Amino acid sequence: MKRKVIVRHIVIISGLLVLLLFVWRCPLEYLFGIPCPCCGMTRAFKSMASLDFRASFSYHPLFLPTGFAIWYILHKDVLPDRFRMGKKTARALGGLLLLLLLAVYVYRIAFQPDGIIKIDLDDGLIFKIMREIRG
């Protein structure tokens, strides 16, 4: 059982790394021209991999708690009981993380117009298609 879980995680992580390094573009930004609340996470993790912590936090200040949350979700089934959270605790921490992500997102849009978050509706695929249909 543990071997299957470990192999599954290796395959998922490898696939995500390939997507992130060679293909990935935020689906929300691609479709609508509006970056998602996690915009900058990939660049933050790439910067951290090269030990550039200042750049990591400038790309997204919540990349570490989000990374730990994703790691925990993927590995909670293989963790010893003493390291597992109760459902209420996990939900509360997950809800808190979501609220923090939204707060950082709103802050970055409202108070950092020249920062990482740039809304460009004309760049979104949906709006490009709508313009083509209208002629």
N, C-alpha and C. Protein backbone atom coordinates (compact mmCIF):
# COMPACT_ATOMS: atom_id res chain seq x y z
N MET A 1 0.83 -1.20 0.00
CA MET A 1 0.00 0.00 0.00
C MET A 1 0.87 1.26 0.00
N LYS A 2 1.85 1.31 0.90
CA LYS A 2 2.71 2.48 0.97
C LYS A 2 3.51 2.66 -0.32
N ARG A 3 3.94 1.57 -0.91
CA ARG A 3 4.73 1.65 -2.14
C ARG A 3 3.90 2.27 -3.26
N LYS A 4 2.63 1.88 -3.38
CA LYS A 4 1.75 2.45 -4.41
C LYS A 4 1.56 3.94 -4.20
N VAL A 5 1.38 4.34 -2.96
CA VAL A 5 1.20 5.75 -2.65
C VAL A 5 2.46 6.54 -3.01
N ILE A 6 3.61 6.01 -2.66
CA ILE A 6 4.87 6.70 -2.95
C ILE A 6 5.09 6.80 -4.46
N VAL A 7 4.85 5.73 -5.18
CA VAL A 7 5.01 5.77 -6.65
C VAL A 7 4.03 6.76 -7.25
N ARG A 8 2.80 6.76 -6.77
CA ARG A 8 1.79 7.70 -7.27
C ARG A 8 2.25 9.14 -7.06
N HIS A 9 2.78 9.43 -5.88
CA HIS A 9 3.25 10.79 -5.59
C HIS A 9 4.45 11.17 -6.45
N ILE A 10 5.34 10.25 -6.67
CA ILE A 10 6.50 10.53 -7.53
C ILE A 10 6.04 10.85 -8.94
N VAL A 11 5.07 10.09 -9.45
CA VAL A 11 4.56 10.34 -10.81
C VAL A 11 3.85 11.69 -10.87
N ILE A 12 3.03 12.00 -9.88
CA ILE A 12 2.31 13.28 -9.86
C ILE A 12 3.29 14.44 -9.77
N ILE A 13 4.25 14.36 -8.87
CA ILE A 13 5.22 15.45 -8.70
C ILE A 13 6.08 15.60 -9.96
N SER A 14 6.49 14.50 -10.56
CA SER A 14 7.29 14.59 -11.79
C SER A 14 6.49 15.25 -12.90
N GLY A 15 5.24 14.86 -13.04
CA GLY A 15 4.38 15.47 -14.06
C GLY A 15 4.18 16.95 -13.82
N LEU A 16 3.96 17.33 -12.57
CA LEU A 16 3.80 18.74 -12.25
C LEU A 16 5.07 19.53 -12.52
N LEU A 17 6.22 18.95 -12.20
CA LEU A 17 7.48 19.63 -12.48
C LEU A 17 7.67 19.86 -13.97
N VAL A 18 7.35 18.87 -14.78
CA VAL A 18 7.46 19.04 -16.23
C VAL A 18 6.53 20.16 -16.69
N LEU A 19 5.28 20.14 -16.20
CA LEU A 19 4.34 21.20 -16.57
C LEU A 19 4.83 22.57 -16.13
N LEU A 20 5.30 22.66 -14.90
CA LEU A 20 5.74 23.95 -14.37
C LEU A 20 6.97 24.48 -15.10
N LEU A 21 7.88 23.62 -15.43
CA LEU A 21 9.13 24.07 -16.04
C LEU A 21 9.01 24.34 -17.54
N PHE A 22 8.13 23.63 -18.23
CA PHE A 22 8.13 23.72 -19.68
C PHE A 22 6.82 24.22 -20.31
N VAL A 23 5.69 24.01 -19.66
CA VAL A 23 4.41 24.26 -20.31
C VAL A 23 3.56 25.29 -19.57
N TRP A 24 3.53 25.24 -18.29
CA TRP A 24 2.51 25.86 -17.47
C TRP A 24 2.33 27.35 -17.66
N ARG A 25 1.12 27.74 -17.74
CA ARG A 25 0.69 29.12 -17.61
C ARG A 25 -0.60 29.07 -16.83
N CYS A 26 -0.79 29.98 -15.92
CA CYS A 26 -1.98 29.98 -15.07
C CYS A 26 -3.24 29.92 -15.93
N PRO A 27 -4.10 28.91 -15.73
CA PRO A 27 -5.31 28.79 -16.55
C PRO A 27 -6.24 30.00 -16.44
N LEU A 28 -6.38 30.56 -15.26
CA LEU A 28 -7.24 31.73 -15.08
C LEU A 28 -6.69 32.92 -15.87
N GLU A 29 -5.39 33.13 -15.79
CA GLU A 29 -4.78 34.23 -16.52
C GLU A 29 -4.84 33.97 -18.03
N TYR A 30 -4.63 32.74 -18.43
CA TYR A 30 -4.67 32.39 -19.85
C TYR A 30 -6.07 32.63 -20.43
N LEU A 31 -7.10 32.22 -19.71
CA LEU A 31 -8.46 32.36 -20.22
C LEU A 31 -9.02 33.77 -20.11
N PHE A 32 -8.77 34.44 -18.98
CA PHE A 32 -9.43 35.72 -18.72
C PHE A 32 -8.50 36.92 -18.65
N GLY A 33 -7.19 36.70 -18.56
CA GLY A 33 -6.26 37.81 -18.41
C GLY A 33 -6.18 38.33 -16.98
N ILE A 34 -6.72 37.54 -16.05
CA ILE A 34 -6.73 37.92 -14.64
C ILE A 34 -5.92 36.87 -13.86
N PRO A 35 -4.82 37.26 -13.24
CA PRO A 35 -4.02 36.28 -12.48
C PRO A 35 -4.80 35.74 -11.28
N CYS A 36 -4.49 34.52 -10.90
CA CYS A 36 -5.17 33.90 -9.76
C CYS A 36 -4.51 34.33 -8.44
N PRO A 37 -5.15 34.05 -7.31
CA PRO A 37 -4.57 34.41 -6.01
C PRO A 37 -3.22 33.76 -5.73
N CYS A 38 -2.89 32.70 -6.42
CA CYS A 38 -1.60 32.03 -6.22
C CYS A 38 -0.56 32.50 -7.23
N CYS A 39 -0.85 33.55 -7.97
CA CYS A 39 0.08 34.05 -8.97
C CYS A 39 1.42 34.37 -8.32
N GLY A 40 2.49 33.84 -8.89
CA GLY A 40 3.83 34.06 -8.37
C GLY A 40 4.37 32.87 -7.59
N MET A 41 3.52 31.89 -7.28
CA MET A 41 3.97 30.74 -6.49
C MET A 41 5.06 29.95 -7.22
N THR A 42 4.87 29.69 -8.50
CA THR A 42 5.85 28.92 -9.24
C THR A 42 7.20 29.64 -9.24
N ARG A 43 7.16 30.94 -9.52
CA ARG A 43 8.41 31.72 -9.51
C ARG A 43 9.01 31.75 -8.11
N ALA A 44 8.17 31.78 -7.08
CA ALA A 44 8.67 31.78 -5.70
C ALA A 44 9.40 30.48 -5.40
N PHE A 45 8.82 29.34 -5.80
CA PHE A 45 9.47 28.05 -5.55
C PHE A 45 10.74 27.90 -6.38
N LYS A 46 10.72 28.41 -7.62
CA LYS A 46 11.94 28.36 -8.44
C LYS A 46 13.04 29.20 -7.80
N SER A 47 12.69 30.37 -7.28
CA SER A 47 13.68 31.22 -6.63
C SER A 47 14.22 30.57 -5.36
N MET A 48 13.33 29.91 -4.62
CA MET A 48 13.78 29.25 -3.41
C MET A 48 14.73 28.09 -3.75
N ALA A 49 14.46 27.41 -4.85
CA ALA A 49 15.34 26.32 -5.27
C ALA A 49 16.75 26.82 -5.56
N SER A 50 16.85 28.08 -5.99
CA SER A 50 18.18 28.66 -6.23
C SER A 50 18.64 29.50 -5.02
N LEU A 51 17.96 29.31 -3.88
CA LEU A 51 18.30 29.94 -2.60
C LEU A 51 18.21 31.46 -2.63
N ASP A 52 17.35 32.00 -3.46
CA ASP A 52 17.10 33.44 -3.50
C ASP A 52 15.81 33.72 -2.72
N PHE A 53 15.93 33.78 -1.40
CA PHE A 53 14.76 33.89 -0.54
C PHE A 53 14.06 35.25 -0.67
N ARG A 54 14.81 36.31 -0.89
CA ARG A 54 14.21 37.63 -1.07
C ARG A 54 13.27 37.63 -2.27
N ALA A 55 13.74 37.07 -3.38
CA ALA A 55 12.90 37.00 -4.58
C ALA A 55 11.70 36.09 -4.32
N SER A 56 11.92 34.98 -3.61
CA SER A 56 10.82 34.06 -3.32
C SER A 56 9.68 34.77 -2.61
N PHE A 57 10.00 35.51 -1.57
CA PHE A 57 8.96 36.21 -0.82
C PHE A 57 8.36 37.37 -1.61
N SER A 58 9.12 37.96 -2.53
CA SER A 58 8.55 39.05 -3.33
C SER A 58 7.58 38.50 -4.36
N TYR A 59 7.82 37.29 -4.88
CA TYR A 59 6.89 36.70 -5.84
C TYR A 59 5.59 36.31 -5.17
N HIS A 60 5.67 35.69 -4.00
CA HIS A 60 4.45 35.40 -3.23
C HIS A 60 4.84 35.13 -1.78
N PRO A 61 4.35 35.97 -0.85
CA PRO A 61 4.76 35.82 0.55
C PRO A 61 4.23 34.56 1.23
N LEU A 62 3.23 33.90 0.65
CA LEU A 62 2.65 32.71 1.28
C LEU A 62 3.08 31.41 0.60
N PHE A 63 4.19 31.45 -0.12
CA PHE A 63 4.59 30.23 -0.83
C PHE A 63 4.97 29.10 0.12
N LEU A 64 5.58 29.41 1.26
CA LEU A 64 5.96 28.34 2.20
C LEU A 64 4.75 27.67 2.85
N PRO A 65 3.82 28.44 3.45
CA PRO A 65 2.66 27.75 4.05
C PRO A 65 1.83 27.00 3.01
N THR A 66 1.73 27.55 1.80
CA THR A 66 0.98 26.87 0.75
C THR A 66 1.70 25.58 0.34
N GLY A 67 3.01 25.64 0.22
CA GLY A 67 3.79 24.44 -0.10
C GLY A 67 3.66 23.37 0.96
N PHE A 68 3.72 23.77 2.22
CA PHE A 68 3.55 22.80 3.31
C PHE A 68 2.15 22.19 3.29
N ALA A 69 1.14 23.02 3.00
CA ALA A 69 -0.24 22.53 2.94
C ALA A 69 -0.39 21.50 1.82
N ILE A 70 0.16 21.79 0.66
CA ILE A 70 0.08 20.86 -0.47
C ILE A 70 0.83 19.57 -0.13
N TRP A 71 2.01 19.71 0.47
CA TRP A 71 2.78 18.53 0.86
C TRP A 71 1.98 17.67 1.85
N TYR A 72 1.37 18.32 2.83
CA TYR A 72 0.59 17.58 3.84
C TYR A 72 -0.58 16.85 3.20
N ILE A 73 -1.29 17.52 2.31
CA ILE A 73 -2.44 16.89 1.64
C ILE A 73 -2.00 15.65 0.86
N LEU A 74 -0.87 15.76 0.18
CA LEU A 74 -0.38 14.63 -0.62
C LEU A 74 0.14 13.48 0.23
N HIS A 75 0.63 13.78 1.44
CA HIS A 75 1.30 12.75 2.24
C HIS A 75 0.58 12.36 3.52
N LYS A 76 -0.57 12.92 3.80
CA LYS A 76 -1.21 12.64 5.10
C LYS A 76 -1.55 11.17 5.29
N ASP A 77 -1.78 10.44 4.20
CA ASP A 77 -2.12 9.02 4.32
C ASP A 77 -0.94 8.15 4.75
N VAL A 78 0.27 8.62 4.50
CA VAL A 78 1.44 7.80 4.85
C VAL A 78 2.15 8.32 6.10
N LEU A 79 1.67 9.42 6.66
CA LEU A 79 2.29 9.95 7.88
C LEU A 79 1.89 9.13 9.10
N PRO A 80 2.78 9.00 10.06
CA PRO A 80 2.38 8.36 11.32
C PRO A 80 1.27 9.16 11.99
N ASP A 81 0.47 8.50 12.80
CA ASP A 81 -0.68 9.14 13.44
C ASP A 81 -0.31 10.38 14.23
N ARG A 82 0.85 10.38 14.85
CA ARG A 82 1.22 11.52 15.69
C ARG A 82 1.44 12.80 14.88
N PHE A 83 1.64 12.67 13.56
CA PHE A 83 1.85 13.85 12.71
C PHE A 83 0.60 14.27 11.94
N ARG A 84 -0.49 13.52 12.10
CA ARG A 84 -1.72 13.85 11.38
C ARG A 84 -2.56 14.82 12.18
N MET A 85 -3.19 15.73 11.47
CA MET A 85 -4.11 16.68 12.11
C MET A 85 -5.51 16.09 12.13
N GLY A 86 -6.29 16.54 13.08
CA GLY A 86 -7.70 16.18 13.07
C GLY A 86 -8.40 16.92 11.93
N LYS A 87 -9.57 16.44 11.55
CA LYS A 87 -10.29 17.06 10.43
C LYS A 87 -10.64 18.52 10.71
N LYS A 88 -11.06 18.80 11.94
CA LYS A 88 -11.42 20.19 12.28
C LYS A 88 -10.21 21.11 12.21
N THR A 89 -9.08 20.63 12.71
CA THR A 89 -7.86 21.44 12.66
C THR A 89 -7.42 21.67 11.22
N ALA A 90 -7.45 20.61 10.41
CA ALA A 90 -7.05 20.74 9.00
C ALA A 90 -7.98 21.70 8.27
N ARG A 91 -9.26 21.61 8.51
CA ARG A 91 -10.22 22.54 7.86
C ARG A 91 -9.99 23.97 8.31
N ALA A 92 -9.77 24.16 9.60
CA ALA A 92 -9.54 25.51 10.12
C ALA A 92 -8.27 26.11 9.52
N LEU A 93 -7.19 25.34 9.50
CA LEU A 93 -5.94 25.84 8.92
C LEU A 93 -6.07 26.07 7.41
N GLY A 94 -6.78 25.18 6.73
CA GLY A 94 -7.02 25.36 5.30
C GLY A 94 -7.84 26.60 5.02
N GLY A 95 -8.87 26.82 5.83
CA GLY A 95 -9.69 28.03 5.68
C GLY A 95 -8.89 29.29 5.95
N LEU A 96 -8.04 29.25 6.96
CA LEU A 96 -7.19 30.38 7.28
C LEU A 96 -6.22 30.67 6.13
N LEU A 97 -5.63 29.62 5.57
CA LEU A 97 -4.73 29.80 4.44
C LEU A 97 -5.46 30.41 3.24
N LEU A 98 -6.66 29.94 2.96
CA LEU A 98 -7.45 30.51 1.86
C LEU A 98 -7.75 31.99 2.09
N LEU A 99 -8.12 32.33 3.32
CA LEU A 99 -8.38 33.74 3.64
C LEU A 99 -7.13 34.59 3.48
N LEU A 100 -6.00 34.07 3.92
CA LEU A 100 -4.74 34.80 3.77
C LEU A 100 -4.37 34.96 2.29
N LEU A 101 -4.57 33.91 1.50
CA LEU A 101 -4.30 34.00 0.06
C LEU A 101 -5.16 35.08 -0.59
N LEU A 102 -6.44 35.12 -0.22
CA LEU A 102 -7.32 36.15 -0.78
C LEU A 102 -6.95 37.54 -0.31
N ALA A 103 -6.56 37.67 0.96
CA ALA A 103 -6.15 38.97 1.49
C ALA A 103 -4.89 39.48 0.78
N VAL A 104 -3.92 38.61 0.58
CA VAL A 104 -2.69 39.00 -0.13
C VAL A 104 -3.03 39.37 -1.57
N TYR A 105 -3.93 38.63 -2.19
CA TYR A 105 -4.35 38.89 -3.58
C TYR A 105 -4.98 40.28 -3.70
N VAL A 106 -5.92 40.57 -2.83
CA VAL A 106 -6.58 41.87 -2.86
C VAL A 106 -5.58 42.98 -2.58
N TYR A 107 -4.70 42.78 -1.62
CA TYR A 107 -3.67 43.78 -1.31
C TYR A 107 -2.79 44.04 -2.53
N ARG A 108 -2.36 42.97 -3.18
CA ARG A 108 -1.47 43.13 -4.33
C ARG A 108 -2.16 43.84 -5.48
N ILE A 109 -3.45 43.58 -5.68
CA ILE A 109 -4.18 44.26 -6.75
C ILE A 109 -4.39 45.73 -6.40
N ALA A 110 -4.79 46.00 -5.16
CA ALA A 110 -5.16 47.36 -4.76
C ALA A 110 -3.96 48.26 -4.52
N PHE A 111 -2.90 47.73 -3.92
CA PHE A 111 -1.81 48.59 -3.47
C PHE A 111 -0.48 48.37 -4.19
N GLN A 112 -0.42 47.41 -5.08
CA GLN A 112 0.81 47.17 -5.85
C GLN A 112 0.47 47.03 -7.34
N PRO A 113 -0.04 48.11 -7.94
CA PRO A 113 -0.48 47.99 -9.35
C PRO A 113 0.66 47.68 -10.32
N ASP A 114 1.89 47.97 -9.96
CA ASP A 114 3.02 47.66 -10.83
C ASP A 114 3.79 46.42 -10.37
N GLY A 115 3.15 45.63 -9.49
CA GLY A 115 3.82 44.46 -8.94
C GLY A 115 3.61 43.22 -9.78
N ILE A 116 3.62 42.07 -9.14
CA ILE A 116 3.50 40.77 -9.80
C ILE A 116 2.13 40.60 -10.45
N ILE A 117 1.09 41.04 -9.78
CA ILE A 117 -0.28 40.89 -10.28
C ILE A 117 -0.58 42.00 -11.27
N LYS A 118 -0.81 41.60 -12.51
CA LYS A 118 -1.16 42.56 -13.55
C LYS A 118 -2.39 42.05 -14.28
N ILE A 119 -3.47 42.78 -14.20
CA ILE A 119 -4.69 42.39 -14.88
C ILE A 119 -4.65 42.96 -16.30
N ASP A 120 -4.76 42.07 -17.28
CA ASP A 120 -4.74 42.47 -18.68
C ASP A 120 -5.83 41.68 -19.40
N LEU A 121 -7.04 42.21 -19.36
CA LEU A 121 -8.17 41.51 -19.95
C LEU A 121 -7.99 41.26 -21.44
N ASP A 122 -7.30 42.15 -22.13
CA ASP A 122 -7.09 41.98 -23.57
C ASP A 122 -6.22 40.77 -23.89
N ASP A 123 -5.46 40.27 -22.93
CA ASP A 123 -4.58 39.13 -23.15
C ASP A 123 -5.29 37.80 -22.93
N GLY A 124 -6.49 37.82 -22.35
CA GLY A 124 -7.22 36.60 -22.06
C GLY A 124 -7.80 35.97 -23.31
N LEU A 125 -7.75 34.65 -23.39
CA LEU A 125 -8.23 33.92 -24.56
C LEU A 125 -9.71 34.17 -24.81
N ILE A 126 -10.52 34.21 -23.77
CA ILE A 126 -11.96 34.43 -23.91
C ILE A 126 -12.22 35.78 -24.58
N PHE A 127 -11.51 36.81 -24.14
CA PHE A 127 -11.72 38.14 -24.70
C PHE A 127 -11.19 38.23 -26.13
N LYS A 128 -10.13 37.50 -26.42
CA LYS A 128 -9.62 37.46 -27.80
C LYS A 128 -10.64 36.80 -28.72
N ILE A 129 -11.23 35.71 -28.26
CA ILE A 129 -12.26 35.02 -29.06
C ILE A 129 -13.46 35.92 -29.25
N MET A 130 -13.88 36.62 -28.20
CA MET A 130 -15.04 37.52 -28.31
C MET A 130 -14.77 38.64 -29.32
N ARG A 131 -13.54 39.18 -29.33
CA ARG A 131 -13.19 40.22 -30.30
C ARG A 131 -13.23 39.68 -31.73
N GLU A 132 -12.76 38.45 -31.91
CA GLU A 132 -12.76 37.85 -33.24
C GLU A 132 -14.18 37.60 -33.73
N ILE A 133 -15.06 37.18 -32.82
CA ILE A 133 -16.46 36.92 -33.20
C ILE A 133 -17.14 38.22 -33.60
N ARG A 134 -16.91 39.28 -32.86
CA ARG A 134 -17.51 40.59 -33.17
C ARG A 134 -16.97 41.17 -34.48
N GLY A 135 -15.75 40.77 -34.82
CA GLY A 135 -15.17 41.25 -36.08
C GLY A 135 -14.33 42.39 -35.86
